C-alpha atoms as a PDB file:
ATOM      1  CA  MET A   1      -0.024  -0.050  -0.120  1.00  0.00           C
ATOM      2  CA  ARG A   2       1.326   3.295  -0.780  1.00  0.00           C
ATOM      3  CA  LYS A   3       2.339   5.449   2.054  1.00  0.00           C
ATOM      4  CA  THR A   4      -0.445   8.245   1.305  1.00  0.00           C
ATOM      5  CA  SER A   5      -3.043   5.761   0.892  1.00  0.00           C
ATOM      6  CA  ILE A   6      -2.131   4.660   4.883  1.00  0.00           C
ATOM      7  CA  VAL A   7      -2.488   8.573   5.412  1.00  0.00           C
ATOM      8  CA  VAL A   8      -6.062   8.883   4.201  1.00  0.00           C
ATOM      9  CA  ALA A   9      -7.039   5.181   5.755  1.00  0.00           C
ATOM     10  CA  LEU A  10      -6.189   6.507   9.233  1.00  0.00           C
ATOM     11  CA  ILE A  11      -8.228   9.905   8.728  1.00  0.00           C
ATOM     12  CA  LEU A  12     -10.795   7.889   7.132  1.00  0.00           C
ATOM     13  CA  LEU A  13     -11.163   5.432  10.641  1.00  0.00           C
ATOM     14  CA  PHE A  14     -10.464   8.643  12.702  1.00  0.00           C
ATOM     15  CA  THR A  15     -13.455  10.148  10.741  1.00  0.00           C
ATOM     16  CA  ILE A  16     -16.105   7.885  10.776  1.00  0.00           C
ATOM     17  CA  SER A  17     -16.435   7.203  13.934  1.00  0.00           C
ATOM     18  CA  LEU A  18     -22.467  25.093  23.387  1.00  0.00           C
ATOM     19  CA  VAL A  19     -25.252  26.626  25.978  1.00  0.00           C
ATOM     20  CA  GLY A  20     -27.763  26.366  23.382  1.00  0.00           C
ATOM     21  CA  CYS A  21     -27.303  27.662  19.662  1.00  0.00           C
ATOM     22  CA  ASN A  22     -27.717  31.169  18.292  1.00  0.00           C
ATOM     23  CA  LYS A  23     -31.338  30.394  16.878  1.00  0.00           C
ATOM     24  CA  GLU A  24     -31.436  33.469  14.713  1.00  0.00           C
ATOM     25  CA  ALA A  25     -28.123  32.292  12.955  1.00  0.00           C
ATOM     26  CA  THR A  26     -28.425  30.414   9.742  1.00  0.00           C
ATOM     27  CA  PHE A  27     -27.020  26.807  10.152  1.00  0.00           C
ATOM     28  CA  THR A  28     -23.655  27.299   8.074  1.00  0.00           C
ATOM     29  CA  LEU A  29     -20.260  26.042   7.614  1.00  0.00           C
ATOM     30  CA  GLY A  30     -18.720  29.060   9.263  1.00  0.00           C
ATOM     31  CA  VAL A  31     -16.177  31.237   7.798  1.00  0.00           C
ATOM     32  CA  LEU A  32     -12.313  30.538   7.505  1.00  0.00           C
ATOM     33  CA  ASP A  33     -10.188  33.503   6.962  1.00  0.00           C
ATOM     34  CA  GLU A  34      -6.349  32.633   6.790  1.00  0.00           C
ATOM     35  CA  GLY A  35      -6.400  30.030   9.565  1.00  0.00           C
ATOM     36  CA  SER A  36      -9.327  32.009  11.724  1.00  0.00           C
ATOM     37  CA  TYR A  37     -12.217  30.256  11.938  1.00  0.00           C
ATOM     38  CA  SER A  38     -15.692  31.255  13.258  1.00  0.00           C
ATOM     39  CA  ASN A  39     -19.074  29.714  13.472  1.00  0.00           C
ATOM     40  CA  SER A  40     -21.999  32.464  14.475  1.00  0.00           C
ATOM     41  CA  TYR A  41     -24.636  29.923  14.695  1.00  0.00           C
ATOM     42  CA  PHE A  42     -22.670  28.077  17.341  1.00  0.00           C
ATOM     43  CA  GLY A  43     -20.955  31.259  18.781  1.00  0.00           C
ATOM     44  CA  PHE A  44     -17.603  29.375  18.475  1.00  0.00           C
ATOM     45  CA  THR A  45     -13.815  30.188  16.828  1.00  0.00           C
ATOM     46  CA  ILE A  46     -10.492  29.049  16.743  1.00  0.00           C
ATOM     47  CA  ASP A  47      -7.427  29.953  15.517  1.00  0.00           C
ATOM     48  CA  ILE A  48      -5.225  27.152  13.503  1.00  0.00           C
ATOM     49  CA  ASP A  49      -1.844  28.046  12.157  1.00  0.00           C
ATOM     50  CA  GLU A  50      -2.557  28.934   8.550  1.00  0.00           C
ATOM     51  CA  ASN A  51       0.316  27.172   7.335  1.00  0.00           C
ATOM     52  CA  TYR A  52      -1.682  23.912   7.550  1.00  0.00           C
ATOM     53  CA  HIS A  53      -3.262  22.477   4.631  1.00  0.00           C
ATOM     54  CA  PHE A  54      -7.313  22.899   4.943  1.00  0.00           C
ATOM     55  CA  LEU A  55      -9.260  20.395   3.123  1.00  0.00           C
ATOM     56  CA  THR A  56     -12.059  22.033   0.743  1.00  0.00           C
ATOM     57  CA  GLN A  57     -15.633  20.596   1.931  1.00  0.00           C
ATOM     58  CA  ASP A  58     -15.666  18.641  -1.111  1.00  0.00           C
ATOM     59  CA  GLU A  59     -12.482  16.797   0.090  1.00  0.00           C
ATOM     60  CA  ILE A  60     -14.246  16.347   3.593  1.00  0.00           C
ATOM     61  CA  LEU A  61     -17.221  14.991   2.072  1.00  0.00           C
ATOM     62  CA  THR A  62     -15.300  12.392  -0.243  1.00  0.00           C
ATOM     63  CA  ILE A  63     -13.237  11.040   2.865  1.00  0.00           C
ATOM     64  CA  ARG A  64     -16.470  10.666   4.612  1.00  0.00           C
ATOM     65  CA  GLY A  65     -18.410   9.552   1.792  1.00  0.00           C
ATOM     66  CA  SER A  66     -15.631   6.504   1.447  1.00  0.00           C
ATOM     67  CA  ALA A  67     -15.432   5.927   5.204  1.00  0.00           C
ATOM     68  CA  ILE A  68     -19.308   5.374   5.213  1.00  0.00           C
ATOM     69  CA  ASP A  69     -19.553   3.396   2.163  1.00  0.00           C
ATOM     70  CA  GLU A  70     -21.445   6.401   0.256  1.00  0.00           C
ATOM     71  CA  THR A  71     -21.257   7.616  -3.325  1.00  0.00           C
ATOM     72  CA  GLU A  72     -17.822   9.550  -3.958  1.00  0.00           C
ATOM     73  CA  ASN A  73     -20.074  11.680  -6.421  1.00  0.00           C
ATOM     74  CA  ILE A  74     -20.740  13.792  -3.363  1.00  0.00           C
ATOM     75  CA  ASN A  75     -21.434  17.874  -3.620  1.00  0.00           C
ATOM     76  CA  SER A  76     -21.371  19.779  -1.041  1.00  0.00           C
ATOM     77  CA  ASP A  77     -23.942  22.318  -2.728  1.00  0.00           C
ATOM     78  CA  GLU A  78     -26.178  19.535  -2.534  1.00  0.00           C
ATOM     79  CA  ILE A  79     -26.035  19.127   0.921  1.00  0.00           C
ATOM     80  CA  VAL A  80     -28.685  20.485   3.687  1.00  0.00           C
ATOM     81  CA  LEU A  81     -26.598  21.182   6.552  1.00  0.00           C
ATOM     82  CA  SER A  82     -29.462  21.254   8.984  1.00  0.00           C
ATOM     83  CA  GLU A  83     -30.314  17.978   8.070  1.00  0.00           C
ATOM     84  CA  GLN A  84     -27.092  15.952   8.790  1.00  0.00           C
ATOM     85  CA  PRO A  85     -26.388  14.097  11.343  1.00  0.00           C
ATOM     86  CA  VAL A  86     -22.251  15.098  11.586  1.00  0.00           C
ATOM     87  CA  VAL A  87     -21.131  18.192  10.090  1.00  0.00           C
ATOM     88  CA  TYR A  88     -17.520  18.870   9.708  1.00  0.00           C
ATOM     89  CA  TYR A  89     -16.506  22.724   9.582  1.00  0.00           C
ATOM     90  CA  LEU A  90     -12.942  22.303   9.484  1.00  0.00           C
ATOM     91  CA  TYR A  91     -10.150  19.929   8.882  1.00  0.00           C
ATOM     92  CA  ALA A  92      -6.674  21.051   8.367  1.00  0.00           C
ATOM     93  CA  LEU A  93      -3.447  18.603   8.071  1.00  0.00           C
ATOM     94  CA  LYS A  94       0.188  19.736   8.525  1.00  0.00           C
ATOM     95  CA  GLU A  95       1.236  18.551   5.748  1.00  0.00           C
ATOM     96  CA  PRO A  96      -0.512  18.082   2.190  1.00  0.00           C
ATOM     97  CA  LEU A  97      -3.260  15.593   2.000  1.00  0.00           C
ATOM     98  CA  ASP A  98      -1.111  13.678  -0.869  1.00  0.00           C
ATOM     99  CA  SER A  99       2.037  13.742   1.712  1.00  0.00           C
ATOM    100  CA  GLU A 100       4.302  10.522   2.168  1.00  0.00           C
ATOM    101  CA  ARG A 101       4.157  11.309   5.980  1.00  0.00           C
ATOM    102  CA  LEU A 102       2.627   8.526   7.827  1.00  0.00           C
ATOM    103  CA  ASP A 103       1.739  10.266  11.010  1.00  0.00           C
ATOM    104  CA  ASN A 104       0.504  13.318   9.282  1.00  0.00           C
ATOM    105  CA  PRO A 105      -1.065  15.443  12.398  1.00  0.00           C
ATOM    106  CA  TYR A 106      -4.457  17.398  12.063  1.00  0.00           C
ATOM    107  CA  VAL A 107      -7.155  19.079  13.845  1.00  0.00           C
ATOM    108  CA  ALA A 108     -10.544  18.995  12.998  1.00  0.00           C
ATOM    109  CA  VAL A 109     -13.982  20.567  14.279  1.00  0.00           C
ATOM    110  CA  TYR A 110     -17.573  18.737  13.860  1.00  0.00           C
ATOM    111  CA  SER A 111     -20.907  18.895  15.170  1.00  0.00           C
ATOM    112  CA  GLU A 112     -23.478  15.833  15.720  1.00  0.00           C
ATOM    113  CA  GLN A 113     -26.533  15.763  16.286  1.00  0.00           C
ATOM    114  CA  LEU A 114     -27.516  13.846  19.444  1.00  0.00           C
ATOM    115  CA  LYS A 115     -30.919  13.135  18.177  1.00  0.00           C
ATOM    116  CA  TYR A 116     -29.166  10.507  15.693  1.00  0.00           C
ATOM    117  CA  ILE A 117     -27.253   8.661  18.237  1.00  0.00           C
ATOM    118  CA  GLU A 118     -28.136   6.783  21.623  1.00  0.00           C
ATOM    119  CA  ALA A 119     -31.145   8.741  23.723  1.00  0.00           C
ATOM    120  CA  THR A 120     -29.008   8.062  26.980  1.00  0.00           C
ATOM    121  CA  ILE A 121     -26.445  10.538  25.803  1.00  0.00           C
ATOM    122  CA  LYS A 122     -26.973  13.909  27.333  1.00  0.00           C
ATOM    123  CA  THR A 123     -23.846  15.286  28.462  1.00  0.00           C
ATOM    124  CA  LYS A 124     -20.333  15.664  26.930  1.00  0.00           C
ATOM    125  CA  GLU A 125     -18.960  12.897  29.447  1.00  0.00           C
ATOM    126  CA  ASP A 126     -21.756  10.663  27.818  1.00  0.00           C
ATOM    127  CA  TYR A 127     -20.561  12.009  24.312  1.00  0.00           C
ATOM    128  CA  ILE A 128     -17.043  11.321  24.895  1.00  0.00           C
ATOM    129  CA  ASN A 129     -17.717   7.859  25.996  1.00  0.00           C
ATOM    130  CA  TYR A 130     -19.931   6.862  23.343  1.00  0.00           C
ATOM    131  CA  ASN A 131     -17.209   7.735  20.648  1.00  0.00           C
ATOM    132  CA  MET A 132     -14.245   6.000  22.470  1.00  0.00           C
ATOM    133  CA  ASP A 133     -16.784   2.752  22.442  1.00  0.00           C
ATOM    134  CA  PHE A 134     -17.359   3.016  19.131  1.00  0.00           C
ATOM    135  CA  ALA A 135     -14.095   3.830  17.719  1.00  0.00           C
ATOM    136  CA  VAL A 136     -12.135   1.063  20.186  1.00  0.00           C
ATOM    137  CA  ALA A 137     -14.939  -1.631  18.352  1.00  0.00           C
ATOM    138  CA  ILE A 138     -14.238  -0.455  14.719  1.00  0.00           C
ATOM    139  CA  PHE A 139     -10.512  -0.531  15.214  1.00  0.00           C
ATOM    140  CA  SER A 140     -10.755  -3.760  17.023  1.00  0.00           C
ATOM    141  CA  ALA A 141     -12.558  -5.349  14.442  1.00  0.00           C
ATOM    142  CA  SER A 142     -10.725  -4.430  11.879  1.00  0.00           C
ATOM    143  CA  GLY A 143      -7.401  -6.079  13.744  1.00  0.00           C
ATOM    144  CA  PHE A 144      -5.469  -2.811  15.464  1.00  0.00           C
ATOM    145  CA  GLU A 145      -4.586  -2.837  18.838  1.00  0.00           C
ATOM    146  CA  VAL A 146      -6.466   0.071  20.440  1.00  0.00           C
ATOM    147  CA  SER A 147      -6.868   1.685  23.597  1.00  0.00           C
ATOM    148  CA  SER A 148      -8.841   4.662  25.122  1.00  0.00           C
ATOM    149  CA  SER A 149      -8.268   6.971  28.163  1.00  0.00           C
ATOM    150  CA  ASN A 150     -10.065   7.518  31.033  1.00  0.00           C
ATOM    151  CA  ILE A 151     -12.175  10.954  30.649  1.00  0.00           C
ATOM    152  CA  ASP A 152     -10.653  14.392  31.608  1.00  0.00           C
ATOM    153  CA  LYS A 153     -12.374  17.576  32.109  1.00  0.00           C
ATOM    154  CA  LEU A 154     -10.264  20.705  30.760  1.00  0.00           C
ATOM    155  CA  TRP A 155     -11.067  24.623  30.452  1.00  0.00           C
ATOM    156  CA  TYR A 156     -10.629  26.567  27.016  1.00  0.00           C
ATOM    157  CA  ASP A 157     -12.330  29.912  27.016  1.00  0.00           C
ATOM    158  CA  ASP A 158     -14.860  29.820  29.813  1.00  0.00           C
ATOM    159  CA  ARG A 159     -16.338  26.513  28.848  1.00  0.00           C
ATOM    160  CA  GLN A 160     -15.332  23.084  30.165  1.00  0.00           C
ATOM    161  CA  PHE A 161     -14.619  19.991  27.763  1.00  0.00           C
ATOM    162  CA  ALA A 162     -14.740  16.614  28.157  1.00  0.00           C
ATOM    163  CA  ASN A 163     -11.494  15.024  27.075  1.00  0.00           C
ATOM    164  CA  ALA A 164     -10.349  11.971  26.021  1.00  0.00           C
ATOM    165  CA  ILE A 165      -7.507   9.844  24.031  1.00  0.00           C
ATOM    166  CA  LEU A 166      -7.562   7.105  21.549  1.00  0.00           C
ATOM    167  CA  THR A 167      -4.246   5.260  21.081  1.00  0.00           C
ATOM    168  CA  VAL A 168      -3.960   2.927  17.664  1.00  0.00           C
ATOM    169  CA  ASN A 169      -1.239   0.480  17.368  1.00  0.00           C
ATOM    170  CA  LEU A 170      -0.278   0.314  13.702  1.00  0.00           C
ATOM    171  CA  GLU A 171       2.585  -1.735  11.972  1.00  0.00           C
ATOM    172  CA  GLU A 172       4.769   1.351  11.497  1.00  0.00           C
ATOM    173  CA  ILE A 173       3.545   4.260  13.822  1.00  0.00           C
ATOM    174  CA  THR A 174       1.480   4.519  17.132  1.00  0.00           C
ATOM    175  CA  MET A 175      -1.474   7.218  16.171  1.00  0.00           C
ATOM    176  CA  LYS A 176      -3.590   9.138  18.771  1.00  0.00           C
ATOM    177  CA  LYS A 177      -6.710  10.678  18.079  1.00  0.00           C
ATOM    178  CA  GLU A 178      -7.810  13.040  20.981  1.00  0.00           C
ATOM    179  CA  LEU A 179     -11.324  14.563  21.440  1.00  0.00           C
ATOM    180  CA  PHE A 180     -12.548  17.749  23.253  1.00  0.00           C
ATOM    181  CA  THR A 181     -16.191  17.944  23.295  1.00  0.00           C
ATOM    182  CA  ILE A 182     -18.612  20.636  24.735  1.00  0.00           C
ATOM    183  CA  ILE A 183     -22.679  19.993  24.282  1.00  0.00           C
ATOM    184  CA  ARG A 184     -24.569  23.330  22.732  1.00  0.00           C
ATOM    185  CA  GLY A 185     -28.268  22.792  22.565  1.00  0.00           C
ATOM    186  CA  GLU A 186     -29.031  19.481  20.692  1.00  0.00           C
ATOM    187  CA  TYR A 187     -25.400  19.491  19.522  1.00  0.00           C
ATOM    188  CA  ALA A 188     -22.305  17.942  20.870  1.00  0.00           C
ATOM    189  CA  ILE A 189     -19.247  20.078  19.210  1.00  0.00           C
ATOM    190  CA  THR A 190     -15.892  18.385  18.990  1.00  0.00           C
ATOM    191  CA  VAL A 191     -12.428  19.443  18.364  1.00  0.00           C
ATOM    192  CA  ILE A 192     -10.120  16.416  17.088  1.00  0.00           C
ATOM    193  CA  LEU A 193      -6.407  16.438  17.251  1.00  0.00           C
ATOM    194  CA  GLY A 194      -4.433  13.486  15.506  1.00  0.00           C
ATOM    195  CA  TYR A 195      -0.965  13.108  16.472  1.00  0.00           C
ATOM    196  CA  SER A 196       1.624  10.357  16.922  1.00  0.00           C
ATOM    197  CA  ASN A 197       4.146  12.309  19.264  1.00  0.00           C
ATOM    198  CA  ASN A 198       4.159  14.727  22.065  1.00  0.00           C
ATOM    199  CA  ASN A 199       5.527  17.692  19.810  1.00  0.00           C
ATOM    200  CA  ASP A 200       2.803  17.650  17.440  1.00  0.00           C
ATOM    201  CA  ARG A 201       0.280  17.542  20.310  1.00  0.00           C
ATOM    202  CA  GLU A 202       1.583  20.447  22.013  1.00  0.00           C
ATOM    203  CA  GLU A 203       1.588  22.712  19.018  1.00  0.00           C
ATOM    204  CA  MET A 204      -1.991  21.660  18.244  1.00  0.00           C
ATOM    205  CA  LEU A 205      -2.833  22.429  21.929  1.00  0.00           C
ATOM    206  CA  THR A 206      -1.935  26.051  21.273  1.00  0.00           C
ATOM    207  CA  PHE A 207      -4.748  26.503  19.042  1.00  0.00           C
ATOM    208  CA  LEU A 208      -7.383  25.350  21.515  1.00  0.00           C
ATOM    209  CA  ASP A 209      -6.028  28.452  23.718  1.00  0.00           C
ATOM    210  CA  THR A 210      -7.483  30.319  20.565  1.00  0.00           C
ATOM    211  CA  ILE A 211     -10.928  29.214  21.292  1.00  0.00           C
ATOM    212  CA  THR A 212     -13.614  31.663  22.117  1.00  0.00           C
ATOM    213  CA  ILE A 213     -17.515  30.276  22.758  1.00  0.00           C
ATOM    214  CA  SER A 214     -20.365  33.206  22.944  1.00  0.00           C
ATOM    215  CA  LYS A 215     -22.840  33.358  25.771  1.00  0.00           C
END
């Protein structure tokens, strides 16, 4: 398998798996301007190093479509955002998508409507547990050695995020997927960090320090 295929495969597996929203705002993908992302619907902003490589919506949809066995002929213009169970707003890679780097770090922001998953999931901790359990099951079924950490609680801006780390041991590298989740209205809003070493993690954690969330 080509190295680029391994990187994409990791992204596929990692992607299968705020006090109420602004009801007067329109549900949109938000705005990305030189690495600064803002979403008026959720009142959420975050700054990413503008040297990262930001995927287009069609690239994200193609990746997710392949991951969940949907058609690859997906066009973002045909998507009604408010009807989607999961919406990715931001997906940024440290190296280009076609890079040969096996452990290409990435940061992503997505929302998931709670009504589309288990009814018992009401809190950010519930959601993290659900996500970790699902991911462990998927990777284990694929023959990978996988584990998840205990849930932590971390503060960004003035909001407490639930946090947990999924560790997947591959033949050549060990990759980690770290989630930071809050609940806003009927949505779980999650920031994902994907990395293989602490240097990349520490670099991407600085992005979380820029988070702001409106009341």
